[in-house]
Amino acid sequence: MQSQILKANPEHEYYFDEGCFILELSNSLADPAVSIARATVKPGVTTKLHCLIGVIERYVVLSGCGLVEVAGLPKQELVPGDVVLIPPECSQRISNQSDSDLVFLAICTPRFTPECYRSLE
């Protein structure tokens, strides 16, 4: 790996069928140990129940508030600064029950690839 600075490009944000908008901030073979994405869940939306195979995911809430469901834990309200640790193969979804966007970082180790995503619906 070489030192570099990755610039976010809002034009690359896309809608992911899970129910949220994703902007990949860092996700490449040059850094396979981790990926970082900004996720945005619109008001009134709940993402699809899913898990990641072989990948640990962390949510870091940046703005808005939501309700997260992670297997093995009771539903929890989230506010900015909260961190959710999600082990591999653990069911998860997040709901935005507010009037503003819920924005969080999704940090995955090893990096997220579409092959690791499993819908549970």
N, C-alpha and C. Protein backbone atom coordinates (compact mmCIF):
# COMPACT_ATOMS: atom_id res chain seq x y z
N MET A 1 0.85 -1.17 0.00
CA MET A 1 0.00 0.00 0.00
C MET A 1 0.90 1.24 0.00
N GLN A 2 0.45 2.26 -0.72
CA GLN A 2 1.18 3.51 -0.77
C GLN A 2 0.37 4.60 -0.07
N SER A 3 1.05 5.59 0.45
CA SER A 3 0.37 6.75 1.02
C SER A 3 -0.45 7.43 -0.06
N GLN A 4 -1.64 7.86 0.30
CA GLN A 4 -2.47 8.60 -0.64
C GLN A 4 -3.60 9.31 0.10
N ILE A 5 -4.20 10.24 -0.56
CA ILE A 5 -5.37 10.94 -0.04
C ILE A 5 -6.51 10.69 -1.01
N LEU A 6 -7.59 10.17 -0.48
CA LEU A 6 -8.76 9.86 -1.30
C LEU A 6 -9.78 10.98 -1.12
N LYS A 7 -10.20 11.56 -2.20
CA LYS A 7 -11.18 12.65 -2.16
C LYS A 7 -12.58 12.10 -2.41
N ALA A 8 -13.51 12.47 -1.57
CA ALA A 8 -14.90 12.05 -1.75
C ALA A 8 -15.48 12.77 -2.96
N ASN A 9 -16.22 12.03 -3.77
CA ASN A 9 -16.87 12.61 -4.94
C ASN A 9 -18.37 12.34 -4.82
N PRO A 10 -19.15 13.33 -4.36
CA PRO A 10 -20.59 13.13 -4.17
C PRO A 10 -21.32 12.65 -5.42
N GLU A 11 -20.75 12.89 -6.60
CA GLU A 11 -21.38 12.45 -7.85
C GLU A 11 -21.38 10.91 -7.97
N HIS A 12 -20.55 10.23 -7.17
CA HIS A 12 -20.48 8.77 -7.23
C HIS A 12 -21.42 8.09 -6.24
N GLU A 13 -22.21 8.87 -5.51
CA GLU A 13 -23.19 8.27 -4.61
C GLU A 13 -24.22 7.50 -5.43
N TYR A 14 -24.63 6.33 -4.94
CA TYR A 14 -25.61 5.52 -5.66
C TYR A 14 -26.63 4.95 -4.68
N TYR A 15 -27.77 4.58 -5.23
CA TYR A 15 -28.81 3.94 -4.42
C TYR A 15 -28.53 2.44 -4.37
N PHE A 16 -28.47 1.90 -3.16
CA PHE A 16 -28.26 0.47 -2.97
C PHE A 16 -29.61 -0.16 -2.65
N ASP A 17 -29.92 -1.27 -3.29
CA ASP A 17 -31.21 -1.93 -3.17
C ASP A 17 -31.60 -2.24 -1.72
N GLU A 18 -30.67 -2.24 -0.83
CA GLU A 18 -30.94 -2.47 0.59
C GLU A 18 -31.87 -1.40 1.15
N GLY A 19 -31.85 -0.20 0.53
CA GLY A 19 -32.75 0.87 0.97
C GLY A 19 -32.03 2.12 1.41
N CYS A 20 -30.79 2.30 0.97
CA CYS A 20 -30.04 3.49 1.37
C CYS A 20 -29.16 3.97 0.22
N PHE A 21 -28.65 5.17 0.38
CA PHE A 21 -27.71 5.72 -0.59
C PHE A 21 -26.30 5.52 -0.06
N ILE A 22 -25.37 5.14 -0.93
CA ILE A 22 -24.00 4.81 -0.54
C ILE A 22 -23.02 5.66 -1.32
N LEU A 23 -22.06 6.21 -0.60
CA LEU A 23 -20.92 6.88 -1.21
C LEU A 23 -19.67 6.17 -0.71
N GLU A 24 -19.02 5.41 -1.58
CA GLU A 24 -17.79 4.70 -1.21
C GLU A 24 -16.68 5.73 -1.01
N LEU A 25 -16.13 5.77 0.20
CA LEU A 25 -15.05 6.70 0.50
C LEU A 25 -13.69 6.03 0.32
N SER A 26 -13.64 4.74 0.61
CA SER A 26 -12.42 3.95 0.42
C SER A 26 -12.82 2.49 0.31
N ASN A 27 -12.62 1.93 -0.88
CA ASN A 27 -12.93 0.52 -1.09
C ASN A 27 -12.21 0.06 -2.35
N SER A 28 -11.01 -0.52 -2.15
CA SER A 28 -10.24 -0.96 -3.32
C SER A 28 -9.33 -2.13 -2.95
N LEU A 29 -8.87 -2.82 -3.99
CA LEU A 29 -7.92 -3.90 -3.79
C LEU A 29 -6.60 -3.39 -3.23
N ALA A 30 -6.31 -2.09 -3.41
CA ALA A 30 -5.08 -1.52 -2.89
C ALA A 30 -5.07 -1.48 -1.36
N ASP A 31 -6.26 -1.56 -0.73
CA ASP A 31 -6.39 -1.55 0.72
C ASP A 31 -7.45 -2.58 1.11
N PRO A 32 -7.14 -3.87 0.95
CA PRO A 32 -8.16 -4.90 1.15
C PRO A 32 -8.58 -5.12 2.60
N ALA A 33 -7.86 -4.55 3.54
CA ALA A 33 -8.16 -4.79 4.95
C ALA A 33 -9.40 -4.05 5.43
N VAL A 34 -9.81 -2.98 4.72
CA VAL A 34 -10.92 -2.16 5.22
C VAL A 34 -11.61 -1.44 4.07
N SER A 35 -12.90 -1.18 4.26
CA SER A 35 -13.61 -0.27 3.37
C SER A 35 -14.40 0.70 4.24
N ILE A 36 -14.60 1.90 3.70
CA ILE A 36 -15.34 2.94 4.41
C ILE A 36 -16.34 3.53 3.42
N ALA A 37 -17.61 3.54 3.82
CA ALA A 37 -18.65 4.12 2.98
C ALA A 37 -19.52 5.03 3.85
N ARG A 38 -20.05 6.08 3.21
CA ARG A 38 -21.05 6.92 3.88
C ARG A 38 -22.42 6.43 3.42
N ALA A 39 -23.25 6.07 4.38
CA ALA A 39 -24.61 5.60 4.08
C ALA A 39 -25.60 6.67 4.51
N THR A 40 -26.63 6.87 3.68
CA THR A 40 -27.71 7.81 4.00
C THR A 40 -29.03 7.08 3.88
N VAL A 41 -29.79 7.11 4.98
CA VAL A 41 -31.12 6.52 5.01
C VAL A 41 -32.11 7.67 5.11
N LYS A 42 -33.02 7.74 4.15
CA LYS A 42 -33.99 8.82 4.09
C LYS A 42 -35.06 8.67 5.19
N PRO A 43 -35.71 9.77 5.57
CA PRO A 43 -36.76 9.70 6.60
C PRO A 43 -37.84 8.68 6.27
N GLY A 44 -38.23 7.91 7.28
CA GLY A 44 -39.28 6.92 7.13
C GLY A 44 -38.86 5.61 6.50
N VAL A 45 -37.58 5.45 6.17
CA VAL A 45 -37.10 4.25 5.50
C VAL A 45 -36.44 3.29 6.49
N THR A 46 -36.70 2.00 6.31
CA THR A 46 -36.01 0.94 7.03
C THR A 46 -35.27 0.10 6.01
N THR A 47 -33.99 -0.12 6.22
CA THR A 47 -33.21 -0.93 5.29
C THR A 47 -33.64 -2.39 5.40
N LYS A 48 -33.34 -3.16 4.37
CA LYS A 48 -33.69 -4.58 4.36
C LYS A 48 -32.84 -5.35 5.37
N LEU A 49 -33.44 -6.34 5.98
CA LEU A 49 -32.71 -7.22 6.89
C LEU A 49 -31.66 -7.98 6.09
N HIS A 50 -30.42 -7.95 6.57
CA HIS A 50 -29.33 -8.58 5.83
C HIS A 50 -28.20 -8.93 6.78
N CYS A 51 -27.18 -9.61 6.25
CA CYS A 51 -25.95 -9.87 6.99
C CYS A 51 -24.79 -9.81 6.00
N LEU A 52 -23.60 -9.75 6.54
CA LEU A 52 -22.39 -9.77 5.73
C LEU A 52 -21.61 -11.04 6.08
N ILE A 53 -21.25 -11.79 5.07
CA ILE A 53 -20.54 -13.05 5.25
C ILE A 53 -19.04 -12.77 5.33
N GLY A 54 -18.43 -13.15 6.46
CA GLY A 54 -16.99 -13.02 6.63
C GLY A 54 -16.49 -11.59 6.83
N VAL A 55 -17.39 -10.67 7.14
CA VAL A 55 -17.02 -9.25 7.26
C VAL A 55 -17.59 -8.69 8.56
N ILE A 56 -16.75 -7.99 9.30
CA ILE A 56 -17.19 -7.24 10.48
C ILE A 56 -17.56 -5.84 10.00
N GLU A 57 -18.73 -5.35 10.43
CA GLU A 57 -19.15 -4.01 10.04
C GLU A 57 -19.35 -3.15 11.29
N ARG A 58 -19.02 -1.88 11.14
CA ARG A 58 -19.24 -0.91 12.21
C ARG A 58 -20.00 0.25 11.62
N TYR A 59 -21.04 0.70 12.33
CA TYR A 59 -21.73 1.93 11.96
C TYR A 59 -21.23 3.01 12.90
N VAL A 60 -20.92 4.18 12.35
CA VAL A 60 -20.58 5.35 13.15
C VAL A 60 -21.56 6.44 12.74
N VAL A 61 -22.49 6.78 13.62
CA VAL A 61 -23.54 7.73 13.28
C VAL A 61 -22.97 9.14 13.24
N LEU A 62 -23.18 9.81 12.09
CA LEU A 62 -22.69 11.18 11.90
C LEU A 62 -23.78 12.21 12.14
N SER A 63 -24.99 11.93 11.63
CA SER A 63 -26.08 12.89 11.83
C SER A 63 -27.41 12.16 11.73
N GLY A 64 -28.42 12.78 12.32
CA GLY A 64 -29.74 12.18 12.36
C GLY A 64 -29.85 11.19 13.50
N CYS A 65 -30.96 10.49 13.55
CA CYS A 65 -31.14 9.46 14.57
C CYS A 65 -31.89 8.30 13.93
N GLY A 66 -31.74 7.14 14.54
CA GLY A 66 -32.37 5.96 13.97
C GLY A 66 -32.56 4.88 15.01
N LEU A 67 -33.10 3.79 14.55
CA LEU A 67 -33.32 2.62 15.39
C LEU A 67 -32.64 1.45 14.71
N VAL A 68 -31.70 0.81 15.41
CA VAL A 68 -30.95 -0.29 14.80
C VAL A 68 -31.38 -1.61 15.41
N GLU A 69 -31.43 -2.63 14.56
CA GLU A 69 -31.70 -4.00 14.97
C GLU A 69 -30.51 -4.85 14.60
N VAL A 70 -29.88 -5.44 15.60
CA VAL A 70 -28.74 -6.32 15.39
C VAL A 70 -29.02 -7.59 16.19
N ALA A 71 -28.86 -8.75 15.54
CA ALA A 71 -29.14 -10.02 16.21
C ALA A 71 -28.44 -10.10 17.56
N GLY A 72 -29.18 -10.56 18.54
CA GLY A 72 -28.61 -10.75 19.87
C GLY A 72 -28.74 -9.53 20.77
N LEU A 73 -29.23 -8.41 20.23
CA LEU A 73 -29.40 -7.19 21.02
C LEU A 73 -30.83 -6.67 20.89
N PRO A 74 -31.34 -6.00 21.93
CA PRO A 74 -32.64 -5.35 21.76
C PRO A 74 -32.49 -4.17 20.79
N LYS A 75 -33.59 -3.77 20.16
CA LYS A 75 -33.55 -2.59 19.29
C LYS A 75 -33.02 -1.41 20.10
N GLN A 76 -32.18 -0.60 19.45
CA GLN A 76 -31.55 0.51 20.14
C GLN A 76 -31.70 1.78 19.31
N GLU A 77 -31.99 2.89 19.99
CA GLU A 77 -32.01 4.19 19.33
C GLU A 77 -30.57 4.66 19.16
N LEU A 78 -30.27 5.27 18.02
CA LEU A 78 -28.94 5.77 17.72
C LEU A 78 -28.97 7.27 17.52
N VAL A 79 -27.93 7.94 18.00
CA VAL A 79 -27.76 9.38 17.81
C VAL A 79 -26.32 9.62 17.37
N PRO A 80 -26.01 10.82 16.89
CA PRO A 80 -24.64 11.10 16.44
C PRO A 80 -23.59 10.74 17.49
N GLY A 81 -22.54 10.08 17.02
CA GLY A 81 -21.45 9.64 17.88
C GLY A 81 -21.56 8.20 18.30
N ASP A 82 -22.74 7.60 18.18
CA ASP A 82 -22.91 6.19 18.54
C ASP A 82 -22.21 5.29 17.53
N VAL A 83 -21.70 4.16 18.03
CA VAL A 83 -21.02 3.17 17.19
C VAL A 83 -21.71 1.83 17.41
N VAL A 84 -22.00 1.14 16.33
CA VAL A 84 -22.60 -0.20 16.38
C VAL A 84 -21.58 -1.18 15.83
N LEU A 85 -21.27 -2.23 16.60
CA LEU A 85 -20.35 -3.28 16.16
C LEU A 85 -21.17 -4.48 15.73
N ILE A 86 -20.95 -4.93 14.48
CA ILE A 86 -21.76 -6.00 13.92
C ILE A 86 -20.85 -7.14 13.45
N PRO A 87 -20.86 -8.26 14.17
CA PRO A 87 -20.02 -9.40 13.77
C PRO A 87 -20.45 -9.99 12.42
N PRO A 88 -19.58 -10.78 11.80
CA PRO A 88 -19.95 -11.47 10.55
C PRO A 88 -21.18 -12.36 10.75
N GLU A 89 -21.98 -12.47 9.68
CA GLU A 89 -23.17 -13.32 9.65
C GLU A 89 -24.25 -12.90 10.64
N CYS A 90 -24.18 -11.70 11.17
CA CYS A 90 -25.13 -11.20 12.15
C CYS A 90 -26.22 -10.39 11.43
N SER A 91 -27.49 -10.74 11.64
CA SER A 91 -28.57 -10.01 10.97
C SER A 91 -28.61 -8.57 11.47
N GLN A 92 -28.97 -7.67 10.54
CA GLN A 92 -28.96 -6.25 10.85
C GLN A 92 -29.88 -5.48 9.93
N ARG A 93 -30.40 -4.37 10.45
CA ARG A 93 -31.10 -3.38 9.66
C ARG A 93 -31.21 -2.12 10.50
N ILE A 94 -31.45 -1.00 9.81
CA ILE A 94 -31.54 0.27 10.50
C ILE A 94 -32.72 1.04 9.95
N SER A 95 -33.38 1.77 10.82
CA SER A 95 -34.58 2.50 10.47
C SER A 95 -34.42 3.97 10.81
N ASN A 96 -34.84 4.83 9.89
CA ASN A 96 -34.84 6.27 10.14
C ASN A 96 -36.27 6.69 10.42
N GLN A 97 -36.54 7.00 11.67
CA GLN A 97 -37.89 7.38 12.07
C GLN A 97 -38.00 8.88 12.31
N SER A 98 -37.03 9.64 11.81
CA SER A 98 -37.03 11.09 12.02
C SER A 98 -37.42 11.82 10.73
N ASP A 99 -37.37 13.14 10.78
CA ASP A 99 -37.72 13.97 9.63
C ASP A 99 -36.51 14.39 8.81
N SER A 100 -35.32 13.98 9.23
CA SER A 100 -34.11 14.35 8.49
C SER A 100 -33.32 13.08 8.15
N ASP A 101 -32.36 13.22 7.24
CA ASP A 101 -31.55 12.07 6.83
C ASP A 101 -30.77 11.49 8.01
N LEU A 102 -30.66 10.18 8.04
CA LEU A 102 -29.77 9.46 8.95
C LEU A 102 -28.50 9.16 8.16
N VAL A 103 -27.37 9.68 8.62
CA VAL A 103 -26.10 9.52 7.90
C VAL A 103 -25.10 8.85 8.84
N PHE A 104 -24.46 7.78 8.33
CA PHE A 104 -23.46 7.09 9.14
C PHE A 104 -22.37 6.53 8.24
N LEU A 105 -21.23 6.28 8.84
CA LEU A 105 -20.16 5.58 8.16
C LEU A 105 -20.36 4.09 8.36
N ALA A 106 -20.13 3.32 7.32
CA ALA A 106 -20.12 1.86 7.40
C ALA A 106 -18.67 1.44 7.14
N ILE A 107 -18.02 0.95 8.18
CA ILE A 107 -16.61 0.57 8.11
C ILE A 107 -16.55 -0.95 8.19
N CYS A 108 -15.99 -1.56 7.15
CA CYS A 108 -15.98 -3.02 7.06
C CYS A 108 -14.56 -3.56 7.03
N THR A 109 -14.35 -4.66 7.77
CA THR A 109 -13.08 -5.38 7.73
C THR A 109 -13.36 -6.87 7.59
N PRO A 110 -12.77 -7.54 6.60
CA PRO A 110 -12.06 -6.93 5.48
C PRO A 110 -13.04 -6.10 4.65
N ARG A 111 -12.58 -5.54 3.57
CA ARG A 111 -13.39 -4.60 2.80
C ARG A 111 -14.67 -5.25 2.27
N PHE A 112 -15.70 -4.42 2.13
CA PHE A 112 -16.98 -4.87 1.60
C PHE A 112 -16.85 -5.17 0.11
N THR A 113 -17.44 -6.29 -0.30
CA THR A 113 -17.62 -6.60 -1.71
C THR A 113 -19.07 -7.08 -1.86
N PRO A 114 -19.66 -6.92 -3.02
CA PRO A 114 -21.05 -7.35 -3.20
C PRO A 114 -21.27 -8.82 -2.87
N GLU A 115 -20.26 -9.65 -3.03
CA GLU A 115 -20.40 -11.09 -2.77
C GLU A 115 -20.62 -11.40 -1.29
N CYS A 116 -20.22 -10.52 -0.40
CA CYS A 116 -20.39 -10.80 1.04
C CYS A 116 -21.79 -10.45 1.53
N TYR A 117 -22.56 -9.71 0.77
CA TYR A 117 -23.89 -9.26 1.16
C TYR A 117 -24.92 -10.38 1.00
N ARG A 118 -25.71 -10.64 2.04
CA ARG A 118 -26.79 -11.62 1.97
C ARG A 118 -28.10 -10.99 2.48
N SER A 119 -29.09 -10.94 1.62
CA SER A 119 -30.40 -10.47 2.03
C SER A 119 -31.04 -11.56 2.89
N LEU A 120 -31.73 -11.17 3.94
CA LEU A 120 -32.43 -12.12 4.81
C LEU A 120 -33.93 -11.94 4.69
N GLU A 121 -34.37 -11.27 3.63
CA GLU A 121 -35.82 -11.08 3.39
C GLU A 121 -36.29 -11.91 2.23
